[in-house]
Amino acid sequence: MLSSEATIQTTILADKLFAFLLIEPLGMREDRIRALVKYLSPAMVAKKTGLDRRRWGTVAHNLKVKVRIEDLDALIEAFPEYELWLWKGEVDPGQGQISPAYAEADLKLAGQEAGSR
């Protein structure tokens, strides 16, 4: 029998898997994962996630390789500010949820007092 914590974690994983596979076409989410790894660099992502840099390089540049749910989980754990964008393609800067494009624009505007930081 699973503990209540394990049951909760299993339920959360099942919900994520359902959303990952059925709610949105996988290709769109895969594209965002690849874009984020390219934006941050495979080396930086590897350092923050603890997963191999070669894996992240493959994810970023080899379209024949499928992105795994473990890759998505590792990205969200290491970079929670991109979670909403990775899952749904949306941003909510007020809640700290950004995209690479938003982060880039925010950095460029920072000197003009127009960004969120």
PDB file of N, CA and C in Angstrom:
ATOM      1  N   MET A   1       0.840  -1.176   0.000  1.00  0.00           N
ATOM      2  CA  MET A   1       0.000   0.000   0.000  1.00  0.00           C
ATOM      3  C   MET A   1       0.882   1.234   0.000  1.00  0.00           C
ATOM      4  N   LEU A   2       0.516   2.226  -0.804  1.00  0.00           N
ATOM      5  CA  LEU A   2       1.280   3.459  -0.903  1.00  0.00           C
ATOM      6  C   LEU A   2       0.943   4.393   0.255  1.00  0.00           C
ATOM      7  N   SER A   3       1.946   5.144   0.686  1.00  0.00           N
ATOM      8  CA  SER A   3       1.688   6.155   1.712  1.00  0.00           C
ATOM      9  C   SER A   3       0.856   7.267   1.082  1.00  0.00           C
ATOM     10  N   SER A   4       0.283   8.123   1.909  1.00  0.00           N
ATOM     11  CA  SER A   4      -0.539   9.206   1.371  1.00  0.00           C
ATOM     12  C   SER A   4       0.307  10.149   0.519  1.00  0.00           C
ATOM     13  N   GLU A   5       1.558  10.386   0.912  1.00  0.00           N
ATOM     14  CA  GLU A   5       2.453  11.242   0.121  1.00  0.00           C
ATOM     15  C   GLU A   5       2.725  10.614  -1.238  1.00  0.00           C
ATOM     16  N   ALA A   6       2.991   9.313  -1.262  1.00  0.00           N
ATOM     17  CA  ALA A   6       3.251   8.613  -2.524  1.00  0.00           C
ATOM     18  C   ALA A   6       2.002   8.615  -3.401  1.00  0.00           C
ATOM     19  N   THR A   7       0.835   8.472  -2.779  1.00  0.00           N
ATOM     20  CA  THR A   7      -0.413   8.501  -3.532  1.00  0.00           C
ATOM     21  C   THR A   7      -0.622   9.869  -4.165  1.00  0.00           C
ATOM     22  N   ILE A   8      -0.353  10.919  -3.411  1.00  0.00           N
ATOM     23  CA  ILE A   8      -0.484  12.286  -3.928  1.00  0.00           C
ATOM     24  C   ILE A   8       0.474  12.493  -5.088  1.00  0.00           C
ATOM     25  N   GLN A   9       1.740  12.083  -4.916  1.00  0.00           N
ATOM     26  CA  GLN A   9       2.733  12.238  -5.975  1.00  0.00           C
ATOM     27  C   GLN A   9       2.330  11.453  -7.223  1.00  0.00           C
ATOM     28  N   THR A  10       1.800  10.260  -7.041  1.00  0.00           N
ATOM     29  CA  THR A  10       1.356   9.442  -8.165  1.00  0.00           C
ATOM     30  C   THR A  10       0.201  10.116  -8.885  1.00  0.00           C
ATOM     31  N   THR A  11      -0.728  10.685  -8.136  1.00  0.00           N
ATOM     32  CA  THR A  11      -1.864  11.383  -8.723  1.00  0.00           C
ATOM     33  C   THR A  11      -1.402  12.607  -9.495  1.00  0.00           C
ATOM     34  N   ILE A  12      -0.485  13.370  -8.930  1.00  0.00           N
ATOM     35  CA  ILE A  12       0.042  14.556  -9.611  1.00  0.00           C
ATOM     36  C   ILE A  12       0.726  14.146 -10.907  1.00  0.00           C
ATOM     37  N   LEU A  13       1.535  13.101 -10.859  1.00  0.00           N
ATOM     38  CA  LEU A  13       2.223  12.628 -12.048  1.00  0.00           C
ATOM     39  C   LEU A  13       1.229  12.157 -13.102  1.00  0.00           C
ATOM     40  N   ALA A  14       0.191  11.465 -12.686  1.00  0.00           N
ATOM     41  CA  ALA A  14      -0.835  10.995 -13.624  1.00  0.00           C
ATOM     42  C   ALA A  14      -1.545  12.179 -14.275  1.00  0.00           C
ATOM     43  N   ASP A  15      -1.855  13.213 -13.484  1.00  0.00           N
ATOM     44  CA  ASP A  15      -2.496  14.408 -14.031  1.00  0.00           C
ATOM     45  C   ASP A  15      -1.589  15.102 -15.035  1.00  0.00           C
ATOM     46  N   LYS A  16      -0.305  15.219 -14.701  1.00  0.00           N
ATOM     47  CA  LYS A  16       0.653  15.842 -15.616  1.00  0.00           C
ATOM     48  C   LYS A  16       0.770  15.035 -16.902  1.00  0.00           C
ATOM     49  N   LEU A  17       0.821  13.725 -16.765  1.00  0.00           N
ATOM     50  CA  LEU A  17       0.944  12.870 -17.931  1.00  0.00           C
ATOM     51  C   LEU A  17      -0.288  13.007 -18.815  1.00  0.00           C
ATOM     52  N   PHE A  18      -1.467  13.048 -18.217  1.00  0.00           N
ATOM     53  CA  PHE A  18      -2.697  13.226 -18.982  1.00  0.00           C
ATOM     54  C   PHE A  18      -2.647  14.538 -19.752  1.00  0.00           C
ATOM     55  N   ALA A  19      -2.285  15.613 -19.073  1.00  0.00           N
ATOM     56  CA  ALA A  19      -2.202  16.911 -19.736  1.00  0.00           C
ATOM     57  C   ALA A  19      -1.129  16.890 -20.811  1.00  0.00           C
ATOM     58  N   PHE A  20      -0.007  16.283 -20.493  1.00  0.00           N
ATOM     59  CA  PHE A  20       1.122  16.223 -21.413  1.00  0.00           C
ATOM     60  C   PHE A  20       0.750  15.501 -22.700  1.00  0.00           C
ATOM     61  N   LEU A  21      -0.013  14.414 -22.589  1.00  0.00           N
ATOM     62  CA  LEU A  21      -0.306  13.594 -23.749  1.00  0.00           C
ATOM     63  C   LEU A  21      -1.597  13.950 -24.467  1.00  0.00           C
ATOM     64  N   LEU A  22      -2.581  14.466 -23.761  1.00  0.00           N
ATOM     65  CA  LEU A  22      -3.894  14.612 -24.372  1.00  0.00           C
ATOM     66  C   LEU A  22      -4.391  16.033 -24.566  1.00  0.00           C
ATOM     67  N   ILE A  23      -4.082  16.931 -23.691  1.00  0.00           N
ATOM     68  CA  ILE A  23      -4.675  18.264 -23.773  1.00  0.00           C
ATOM     69  C   ILE A  23      -4.078  19.084 -24.906  1.00  0.00           C
ATOM     70  N   GLU A  24      -2.788  19.038 -25.089  1.00  0.00           N
ATOM     71  CA  GLU A  24      -2.131  19.812 -26.128  1.00  0.00           C
ATOM     72  C   GLU A  24      -1.277  18.888 -26.971  1.00  0.00           C
ATOM     73  N   PRO A  25      -1.232  19.110 -28.268  1.00  0.00           N
ATOM     74  CA  PRO A  25      -0.343  18.277 -29.087  1.00  0.00           C
ATOM     75  C   PRO A  25       1.082  18.334 -28.558  1.00  0.00           C
ATOM     76  N   LEU A  26       1.699  17.183 -28.475  1.00  0.00           N
ATOM     77  CA  LEU A  26       3.030  17.080 -27.899  1.00  0.00           C
ATOM     78  C   LEU A  26       4.034  17.938 -28.641  1.00  0.00           C
ATOM     79  N   GLY A  27       3.907  18.053 -29.936  1.00  0.00           N
ATOM     80  CA  GLY A  27       4.871  18.802 -30.725  1.00  0.00           C
ATOM     81  C   GLY A  27       5.050  20.232 -30.251  1.00  0.00           C
ATOM     82  N   MET A  28       3.980  20.882 -29.882  1.00  0.00           N
ATOM     83  CA  MET A  28       4.062  22.267 -29.431  1.00  0.00           C
ATOM     84  C   MET A  28       4.851  22.363 -28.130  1.00  0.00           C
ATOM     85  N   ARG A  29       4.597  21.461 -27.227  1.00  0.00           N
ATOM     86  CA  ARG A  29       5.311  21.459 -25.951  1.00  0.00           C
ATOM     87  C   ARG A  29       6.774  21.083 -26.166  1.00  0.00           C
ATOM     88  N   GLU A  30       7.017  20.113 -27.025  1.00  0.00           N
ATOM     89  CA  GLU A  30       8.389  19.733 -27.352  1.00  0.00           C
ATOM     90  C   GLU A  30       9.153  20.915 -27.919  1.00  0.00           C
ATOM     91  N   ASP A  31       8.497  21.680 -28.770  1.00  0.00           N
ATOM     92  CA  ASP A  31       9.146  22.856 -29.357  1.00  0.00           C
ATOM     93  C   ASP A  31       9.552  23.852 -28.268  1.00  0.00           C
ATOM     94  N   ARG A  32       8.690  24.047 -27.273  1.00  0.00           N
ATOM     95  CA  ARG A  32       9.013  24.974 -26.184  1.00  0.00           C
ATOM     96  C   ARG A  32      10.155  24.438 -25.334  1.00  0.00           C
ATOM     97  N   ILE A  33      10.163  23.138 -25.075  1.00  0.00           N
ATOM     98  CA  ILE A  33      11.260  22.543 -24.301  1.00  0.00           C
ATOM     99  C   ILE A  33      12.572  22.739 -25.043  1.00  0.00           C
ATOM    100  N   ARG A  34      12.583  22.446 -26.332  1.00  0.00           N
ATOM    101  CA  ARG A  34      13.793  22.613 -27.134  1.00  0.00           C
ATOM    102  C   ARG A  34      14.232  24.075 -27.160  1.00  0.00           C
ATOM    103  N   ALA A  35      13.283  24.982 -27.311  1.00  0.00           N
ATOM    104  CA  ALA A  35      13.607  26.415 -27.343  1.00  0.00           C
ATOM    105  C   ALA A  35      14.224  26.870 -26.019  1.00  0.00           C
ATOM    106  N   LEU A  36      13.682  26.388 -24.905  1.00  0.00           N
ATOM    107  CA  LEU A  36      14.212  26.784 -23.603  1.00  0.00           C
ATOM    108  C   LEU A  36      15.634  26.274 -23.411  1.00  0.00           C
ATOM    109  N   VAL A  37      15.882  25.028 -23.805  1.00  0.00           N
ATOM    110  CA  VAL A  37      17.227  24.472 -23.653  1.00  0.00           C
ATOM    111  C   VAL A  37      18.213  25.240 -24.535  1.00  0.00           C
ATOM    112  N   LYS A  38      17.804  25.582 -25.745  1.00  0.00           N
ATOM    113  CA  LYS A  38      18.673  26.380 -26.622  1.00  0.00           C
ATOM    114  C   LYS A  38      18.931  27.754 -26.015  1.00  0.00           C
ATOM    115  N   TYR A  39      17.876  28.381 -25.488  1.00  0.00           N
ATOM    116  CA  TYR A  39      17.994  29.724 -24.910  1.00  0.00           C
ATOM    117  C   TYR A  39      18.940  29.725 -23.709  1.00  0.00           C
ATOM    118  N   LEU A  40      18.774  28.754 -22.826  1.00  0.00           N
ATOM    119  CA  LEU A  40      19.587  28.708 -21.605  1.00  0.00           C
ATOM    120  C   LEU A  40      20.961  28.088 -21.834  1.00  0.00           C
ATOM    121  N   SER A  41      21.080  27.224 -22.800  1.00  0.00           N
ATOM    122  CA  SER A  41      22.259  26.442 -23.210  1.00  0.00           C
ATOM    123  C   SER A  41      22.223  25.074 -22.535  1.00  0.00           C
ATOM    124  N   PRO A  42      22.560  24.040 -23.301  1.00  0.00           N
ATOM    125  CA  PRO A  42      22.574  22.691 -22.729  1.00  0.00           C
ATOM    126  C   PRO A  42      23.489  22.582 -21.508  1.00  0.00           C
ATOM    127  N   ALA A  43      24.614  23.298 -21.524  1.00  0.00           N
ATOM    128  CA  ALA A  43      25.542  23.224 -20.385  1.00  0.00           C
ATOM    129  C   ALA A  43      24.904  23.778 -19.112  1.00  0.00           C
ATOM    130  N   MET A  44      24.223  24.924 -19.218  1.00  0.00           N
ATOM    131  CA  MET A  44      23.584  25.527 -18.047  1.00  0.00           C
ATOM    132  C   MET A  44      22.450  24.635 -17.533  1.00  0.00           C
ATOM    133  N   VAL A  45      21.649  24.105 -18.468  1.00  0.00           N
ATOM    134  CA  VAL A  45      20.537  23.236 -18.077  1.00  0.00           C
ATOM    135  C   VAL A  45      21.075  21.979 -17.388  1.00  0.00           C
ATOM    136  N   ALA A  46      22.155  21.427 -17.918  1.00  0.00           N
ATOM    137  CA  ALA A  46      22.760  20.236 -17.309  1.00  0.00           C
ATOM    138  C   ALA A  46      23.240  20.533 -15.893  1.00  0.00           C
ATOM    139  N   LYS A  47      23.858  21.672 -15.720  1.00  0.00           N
ATOM    140  CA  LYS A  47      24.372  22.047 -14.399  1.00  0.00           C
ATOM    141  C   LYS A  47      23.236  22.176 -13.378  1.00  0.00           C
ATOM    142  N   LYS A  48      22.139  22.805 -13.787  1.00  0.00           N
ATOM    143  CA  LYS A  48      21.022  23.032 -12.863  1.00  0.00           C
ATOM    144  C   LYS A  48      20.161  21.784 -12.629  1.00  0.00           C
ATOM    145  N   THR A  49      20.083  20.897 -13.634  1.00  0.00           N
ATOM    146  CA  THR A  49      19.217  19.723 -13.495  1.00  0.00           C
ATOM    147  C   THR A  49      19.966  18.488 -13.017  1.00  0.00           C
ATOM    148  N   GLY A  50      21.266  18.470 -13.206  1.00  0.00           N
ATOM    149  CA  GLY A  50      22.045  17.291 -12.847  1.00  0.00           C
ATOM    150  C   GLY A  50      22.003  16.198 -13.911  1.00  0.00           C
ATOM    151  N   LEU A  51      21.300  16.458 -15.014  1.00  0.00           N
ATOM    152  CA  LEU A  51      21.268  15.504 -16.123  1.00  0.00           C
ATOM    153  C   LEU A  51      22.404  15.818 -17.090  1.00  0.00           C
ATOM    154  N   ASP A  52      22.793  14.827 -17.865  1.00  0.00           N
ATOM    155  CA  ASP A  52      23.935  14.926 -18.757  1.00  0.00           C
ATOM    156  C   ASP A  52      23.784  16.031 -19.812  1.00  0.00           C
ATOM    157  N   ARG A  53      24.859  16.788 -20.017  1.00  0.00           N
ATOM    158  CA  ARG A  53      24.860  17.868 -21.004  1.00  0.00           C
ATOM    159  C   ARG A  53      24.592  17.342 -22.413  1.00  0.00           C
ATOM    160  N   ARG A  54      25.109  16.157 -22.709  1.00  0.00           N
ATOM    161  CA  ARG A  54      24.877  15.586 -24.045  1.00  0.00           C
ATOM    162  C   ARG A  54      23.398  15.323 -24.282  1.00  0.00           C
ATOM    163  N   ARG A  55      22.692  14.895 -23.238  1.00  0.00           N
ATOM    164  CA  ARG A  55      21.250  14.673 -23.377  1.00  0.00           C
ATOM    165  C   ARG A  55      20.558  15.977 -23.738  1.00  0.00           C
ATOM    166  N   TRP A  56      20.910  17.048 -23.034  1.00  0.00           N
ATOM    167  CA  TRP A  56      20.269  18.337 -23.301  1.00  0.00           C
ATOM    168  C   TRP A  56      20.644  18.864 -24.683  1.00  0.00           C
ATOM    169  N   GLY A  57      21.875  18.634 -25.121  1.00  0.00           N
ATOM    170  CA  GLY A  57      22.273  19.032 -26.472  1.00  0.00           C
ATOM    171  C   GLY A  57      21.469  18.280 -27.517  1.00  0.00           C
ATOM    172  N   THR A  58      21.240  17.002 -27.267  1.00  0.00           N
ATOM    173  CA  THR A  58      20.431  16.191 -28.176  1.00  0.00           C
ATOM    174  C   THR A  58      18.990  16.679 -28.185  1.00  0.00           C
ATOM    175  N   VAL A  59      18.443  16.937 -27.019  1.00  0.00           N
ATOM    176  CA  VAL A  59      17.066  17.452 -26.929  1.00  0.00           C
ATOM    177  C   VAL A  59      16.943  18.759 -27.704  1.00  0.00           C
ATOM    178  N   ALA A  60      17.923  19.633 -27.564  1.00  0.00           N
ATOM    179  CA  ALA A  60      17.856  20.948 -28.197  1.00  0.00           C
ATOM    180  C   ALA A  60      17.972  20.878 -29.714  1.00  0.00           C
ATOM    181  N   HIS A  61      18.792  19.981 -30.228  1.00  0.00           N
ATOM    182  CA  HIS A  61      19.141  20.059 -31.646  1.00  0.00           C
ATOM    183  C   HIS A  61      18.732  18.879 -32.513  1.00  0.00           C
ATOM    184  N   ASN A  62      18.385  17.744 -31.936  1.00  0.00           N
ATOM    185  CA  ASN A  62      18.039  16.569 -32.736  1.00  0.00           C
ATOM    186  C   ASN A  62      16.534  16.343 -32.683  1.00  0.00           C
ATOM    187  N   LEU A  63      15.842  16.758 -33.738  1.00  0.00           N
ATOM    188  CA  LEU A  63      14.387  16.666 -33.768  1.00  0.00           C
ATOM    189  C   LEU A  63      13.880  15.228 -33.853  1.00  0.00           C
ATOM    190  N   LYS A  64      14.751  14.281 -34.168  1.00  0.00           N
ATOM    191  CA  LYS A  64      14.353  12.876 -34.222  1.00  0.00           C
ATOM    192  C   LYS A  64      14.239  12.266 -32.824  1.00  0.00           C
ATOM    193  N   VAL A  65      14.866  12.907 -31.850  1.00  0.00           N
ATOM    194  CA  VAL A  65      14.852  12.410 -30.476  1.00  0.00           C
ATOM    195  C   VAL A  65      13.620  12.963 -29.772  1.00  0.00           C
ATOM    196  N   LYS A  66      12.885  12.067 -29.134  1.00  0.00           N
ATOM    197  CA  LYS A  66      11.689  12.469 -28.394  1.00  0.00           C
ATOM    198  C   LYS A  66      12.071  13.044 -27.034  1.00  0.00           C
ATOM    199  N   VAL A  67      11.360  14.071 -26.639  1.00  0.00           N
ATOM    200  CA  VAL A  67      11.529  14.644 -25.307  1.00  0.00           C
ATOM    201  C   VAL A  67      10.770  13.751 -24.333  1.00  0.00           C
ATOM    202  N   ARG A  68      11.389  13.440 -23.222  1.00  0.00           N
ATOM    203  CA  ARG A  68      10.769  12.581 -22.205  1.00  0.00           C
ATOM    204  C   ARG A  68      10.084  13.432 -21.142  1.00  0.00           C
ATOM    205  N   ILE A  69       9.109  12.855 -20.474  1.00  0.00           N
ATOM    206  CA  ILE A  69       8.456  13.573 -19.389  1.00  0.00           C
ATOM    207  C   ILE A  69       9.462  13.863 -18.274  1.00  0.00           C
ATOM    208  N   GLU A  70      10.464  13.008 -18.128  1.00  0.00           N
ATOM    209  CA  GLU A  70      11.518  13.250 -17.137  1.00  0.00           C
ATOM    210  C   GLU A  70      12.293  14.522 -17.466  1.00  0.00           C
ATOM    211  N   ASP A  71      12.452  14.809 -18.767  1.00  0.00           N
ATOM    212  CA  ASP A  71      13.129  16.038 -19.184  1.00  0.00           C
ATOM    213  C   ASP A  71      12.301  17.257 -18.757  1.00  0.00           C
ATOM    214  N   LEU A  72      11.013  17.191 -19.009  1.00  0.00           N
ATOM    215  CA  LEU A  72      10.119  18.280 -18.619  1.00  0.00           C
ATOM    216  C   LEU A  72      10.132  18.477 -17.109  1.00  0.00           C
ATOM    217  N   ASP A  73      10.035  17.393 -16.359  1.00  0.00           N
ATOM    218  CA  ASP A  73      10.061  17.492 -14.896  1.00  0.00           C
ATOM    219  C   ASP A  73      11.359  18.119 -14.405  1.00  0.00           C
ATOM    220  N   ALA A  74      12.484  17.721 -14.985  1.00  0.00           N
ATOM    221  CA  ALA A  74      13.778  18.273 -14.577  1.00  0.00           C
ATOM    222  C   ALA A  74      13.859  19.764 -14.877  1.00  0.00           C
ATOM    223  N   LEU A  75      13.351  20.182 -16.033  1.00  0.00           N
ATOM    224  CA  LEU A  75      13.353  21.607 -16.379  1.00  0.00           C
ATOM    225  C   LEU A  75      12.497  22.421 -15.408  1.00  0.00           C
ATOM    226  N   ILE A  76      11.321  21.914 -15.108  1.00  0.00           N
ATOM    227  CA  ILE A  76      10.419  22.633 -14.202  1.00  0.00           C
ATOM    228  C   ILE A  76      11.009  22.709 -12.796  1.00  0.00           C
ATOM    229  N   GLU A  77      11.641  21.648 -12.358  1.00  0.00           N
ATOM    230  CA  GLU A  77      12.270  21.643 -11.027  1.00  0.00           C
ATOM    231  C   GLU A  77      13.401  22.672 -10.954  1.00  0.00           C
ATOM    232  N   ALA A  78      14.216  22.724 -12.009  1.00  0.00           N
ATOM    233  CA  ALA A  78      15.377  23.614 -12.017  1.00  0.00           C
ATOM    234  C   ALA A  78      15.021  25.054 -12.381  1.00  0.00           C
ATOM    235  N   PHE A  79      13.991  25.229 -13.199  1.00  0.00           N
ATOM    236  CA  PHE A  79      13.613  26.555 -13.683  1.00  0.00           C
ATOM    237  C   PHE A  79      12.107  26.755 -13.535  1.00  0.00           C
ATOM    238  N   PRO A  80      11.608  26.882 -12.311  1.00  0.00           N
ATOM    239  CA  PRO A  80      10.157  26.960 -12.095  1.00  0.00           C
ATOM    240  C   PRO A  80       9.503  28.185 -12.740  1.00  0.00           C
ATOM    241  N   GLU A  81      10.284  29.204 -13.017  1.00  0.00           N
ATOM    242  CA  GLU A  81       9.721  30.407 -13.638  1.00  0.00           C
ATOM    243  C   GLU A  81       9.217  30.165 -15.063  1.00  0.00           C
ATOM    244  N   TYR A  82       9.605  29.036 -15.666  1.00  0.00           N
ATOM    245  CA  TYR A  82       9.172  28.716 -17.030  1.00  0.00           C
ATOM    246  C   TYR A  82       8.056  27.657 -17.062  1.00  0.00           C
ATOM    247  N   GLU A  83       7.544  27.236 -15.923  1.00  0.00           N
ATOM    248  CA  GLU A  83       6.571  26.140 -15.870  1.00  0.00           C
ATOM    249  C   GLU A  83       5.302  26.421 -16.678  1.00  0.00           C
ATOM    250  N   LEU A  84       4.677  27.546 -16.462  1.00  0.00           N
ATOM    251  CA  LEU A  84       3.437  27.857 -17.171  1.00  0.00           C
ATOM    252  C   LEU A  84       3.687  27.917 -18.674  1.00  0.00           C
ATOM    253  N   TRP A  85       4.777  28.508 -19.069  1.00  0.00           N
ATOM    254  CA  TRP A  85       5.102  28.609 -20.491  1.00  0.00           C
ATOM    255  C   TRP A  85       5.365  27.222 -21.085  1.00  0.00           C
ATOM    256  N   LEU A  86       6.102  26.380 -20.357  1.00  0.00           N
ATOM    257  CA  LEU A  86       6.369  25.032 -20.867  1.00  0.00           C
ATOM    258  C   LEU A  86       5.077  24.236 -21.024  1.00  0.00           C
ATOM    259  N   TRP A  87       4.205  24.307 -20.040  1.00  0.00           N
ATOM    260  CA  TRP A  87       2.971  23.528 -20.088  1.00  0.00           C
ATOM    261  C   TRP A  87       1.956  24.079 -21.082  1.00  0.00           C
ATOM    262  N   LYS A  88       1.735  25.391 -21.043  1.00  0.00           N
ATOM    263  CA  LYS A  88       0.617  25.963 -21.799  1.00  0.00           C
ATOM    264  C   LYS A  88       1.002  27.002 -22.838  1.00  0.00           C
ATOM    265  N   GLY A  89       2.257  27.423 -22.848  1.00  0.00           N
ATOM    266  CA  GLY A  89       2.660  28.464 -23.792  1.00  0.00           C
ATOM    267  C   GLY A  89       2.218  29.845 -23.346  1.00  0.00           C
ATOM    268  N   GLU A  90       1.932  30.011 -22.066  1.00  0.00           N
ATOM    269  CA  GLU A  90       1.447  31.283 -21.528  1.00  0.00           C
ATOM    270  C   GLU A  90       2.460  31.862 -20.540  1.00  0.00           C
ATOM    271  N   VAL A  91       2.367  33.162 -20.303  1.00  0.00           N
ATOM    272  CA  VAL A  91       3.188  33.814 -19.282  1.00  0.00           C
ATOM    273  C   VAL A  91       2.272  34.548 -18.309  1.00  0.00           C
ATOM    274  N   ASP A  92       2.757  34.723 -17.092  1.00  0.00           N
ATOM    275  CA  ASP A  92       2.061  35.496 -16.069  1.00  0.00           C
ATOM    276  C   ASP A  92       3.141  36.159 -15.214  1.00  0.00           C
ATOM    277  N   PRO A  93       3.715  37.252 -15.726  1.00  0.00           N
ATOM    278  CA  PRO A  93       4.826  37.902 -15.025  1.00  0.00           C
ATOM    279  C   PRO A  93       4.499  38.288 -13.593  1.00  0.00           C
ATOM    280  N   GLY A  94       3.256  38.610 -13.313  1.00  0.00           N
ATOM    281  CA  GLY A  94       2.859  38.964 -11.960  1.00  0.00           C
ATOM    282  C   GLY A  94       3.047  37.825 -10.974  1.00  0.00           C
ATOM    283  N   GLN A  95       3.014  36.605 -11.484  1.00  0.00           N
ATOM    284  CA  GLN A  95       3.220  35.412 -10.658  1.00  0.00           C
ATOM    285  C   GLN A  95       4.614  34.816 -10.873  1.00  0.00           C
ATOM    286  N   GLY A  96       5.466  35.556 -11.597  1.00  0.00           N
ATOM    287  CA  GLY A  96       6.832  35.089 -11.825  1.00  0.00           C
ATOM    288  C   GLY A  96       6.955  34.041 -12.918  1.00  0.00           C
ATOM    289  N   GLN A  97       5.926  33.890 -13.741  1.00  0.00           N
ATOM    290  CA  GLN A  97       5.928  32.904 -14.822  1.00  0.00           C
ATOM    291  C   GLN A  97       6.246  33.609 -16.139  1.00  0.00           C
ATOM    292  N   ILE A  98       7.411  33.264 -16.715  1.00  0.00           N
ATOM    293  CA  ILE A  98       7.893  33.944 -17.908  1.00  0.00           C
ATOM    294  C   ILE A  98       8.234  32.932 -19.004  1.00  0.00           C
ATOM    295  N   SER A  99       8.581  33.459 -20.169  1.00  0.00           N
ATOM    296  CA  SER A  99       9.072  32.661 -21.291  1.00  0.00           C
ATOM    297  C   SER A  99      10.454  33.190 -21.653  1.00  0.00           C
ATOM    298  N   PRO A 100      11.206  32.459 -22.465  1.00  0.00           N
ATOM    299  CA  PRO A 100      12.502  32.995 -22.890  1.00  0.00           C
ATOM    300  C   PRO A 100      12.370  34.341 -23.611  1.00  0.00           C
ATOM    301  N   ALA A 101      11.365  34.475 -24.461  1.00  0.00           N
ATOM    302  CA  ALA A 101      11.172  35.740 -25.179  1.00  0.00           C
ATOM    303  C   ALA A 101      10.862  36.874 -24.198  1.00  0.00           C
ATOM    304  N   TYR A 102      10.039  36.582 -23.199  1.00  0.00           N
ATOM    305  CA  TYR A 102       9.718  37.599 -22.199  1.00  0.00           C
ATOM    306  C   TYR A 102      10.970  37.982 -21.415  1.00  0.00           C
ATOM    307  N   ALA A 103      11.749  36.983 -21.016  1.00  0.00           N
ATOM    308  CA  ALA A 103      12.968  37.258 -20.253  1.00  0.00           C
ATOM    309  C   ALA A 103      13.928  38.115 -21.059  1.00  0.00           C
ATOM    310  N   GLU A 104      14.065  37.797 -22.340  1.00  0.00           N
ATOM    311  CA  GLU A 104      14.960  38.563 -23.218  1.00  0.00           C
ATOM    312  C   GLU A 104      14.469  40.002 -23.362  1.00  0.00           C
ATOM    313  N   ALA A 105      13.188  40.179 -23.611  1.00  0.00           N
ATOM    314  CA  ALA A 105      12.625  41.522 -23.749  1.00  0.00           C
ATOM    315  C   ALA A 105      12.755  42.296 -22.445  1.00  0.00           C
ATOM    316  N   ASP A 106      12.525  41.624 -21.332  1.00  0.00           N
ATOM    317  CA  ASP A 106      12.616  42.272 -20.029  1.00  0.00           C
ATOM    318  C   ASP A 106      14.037  42.768 -19.770  1.00  0.00           C
ATOM    319  N   LEU A 107      15.027  41.969 -20.145  1.00  0.00           N
ATOM    320  CA  LEU A 107      16.424  42.384 -19.971  1.00  0.00           C
ATOM    321  C   LEU A 107      16.747  43.601 -20.824  1.00  0.00           C
ATOM    322  N   LYS A 108      16.253  43.623 -22.045  1.00  0.00           N
ATOM    323  CA  LYS A 108      16.528  44.748 -22.949  1.00  0.00           C
ATOM    324  C   LYS A 108      15.853  46.027 -22.474  1.00  0.00           C
ATOM    325  N   LEU A 109      14.706  45.887 -21.827  1.00  0.00           N
ATOM    326  CA  LEU A 109      13.962  47.056 -21.368  1.00  0.00           C
ATOM    327  C   LEU A 109      14.383  47.527 -19.984  1.00  0.00           C
ATOM    328  N   ALA A 110      15.160  46.734 -19.276  1.00  0.00           N
ATOM    329  CA  ALA A 110      15.509  47.048 -17.893  1.00  0.00           C
ATOM    330  C   ALA A 110      16.137  48.427 -17.761  1.00  0.00           C
ATOM    331  N   GLY A 111      16.970  48.806 -18.703  1.00  0.00           N
ATOM    332  CA  GLY A 111      17.612  50.120 -18.649  1.00  0.00           C
ATOM    333  C   GLY A 111      16.655  51.250 -18.953  1.00  0.00           C
ATOM    334  N   GLN A 112      15.513  50.925 -19.504  1.00  0.00           N
ATOM    335  CA  GLN A 112      14.528  51.945 -19.867  1.00  0.00           C
ATOM    336  C   GLN A 112      13.380  52.033 -18.856  1.00  0.00           C
ATOM    337  N   GLU A 113      13.516  51.361 -17.722  1.00  0.00           N
ATOM    338  CA  GLU A 113      12.504  51.320 -16.681  1.00  0.00           C
ATOM    339  C   GLU A 113      11.150  50.850 -17.196  1.00  0.00           C
ATOM    340  N   ALA A 114      11.159  49.872 -18.112  1.00  0.00           N
ATOM    341  CA  ALA A 114       9.892  49.394 -18.666  1.00  0.00           C
ATOM    342  C   ALA A 114       9.654  47.919 -18.396  1.00  0.00           C
ATOM    343  N   GLY A 115      10.635  47.214 -17.892  1.00  0.00           N
ATOM    344  CA  GLY A 115      10.467  45.786 -17.628  1.00  0.00           C
ATOM    345  C   GLY A 115       9.827  45.536 -16.275  1.00  0.00           C
ATOM    346  N   SER A 116       9.699  44.286 -15.929  1.00  0.00           N
ATOM    347  CA  SER A 116       9.085  43.949 -14.643  1.00  0.00           C
ATOM    348  C   SER A 116      10.101  43.914 -13.519  1.00  0.00           C
ATOM    349  N   ARG A 117      11.373  44.047 -13.833  1.00  0.00           N
ATOM    350  CA  ARG A 117      12.417  43.995 -12.795  1.00  0.00           C
ATOM    351  C   ARG A 117      13.059  45.325 -12.614  1.00  0.00           C
TER     352      ARG A 117
END
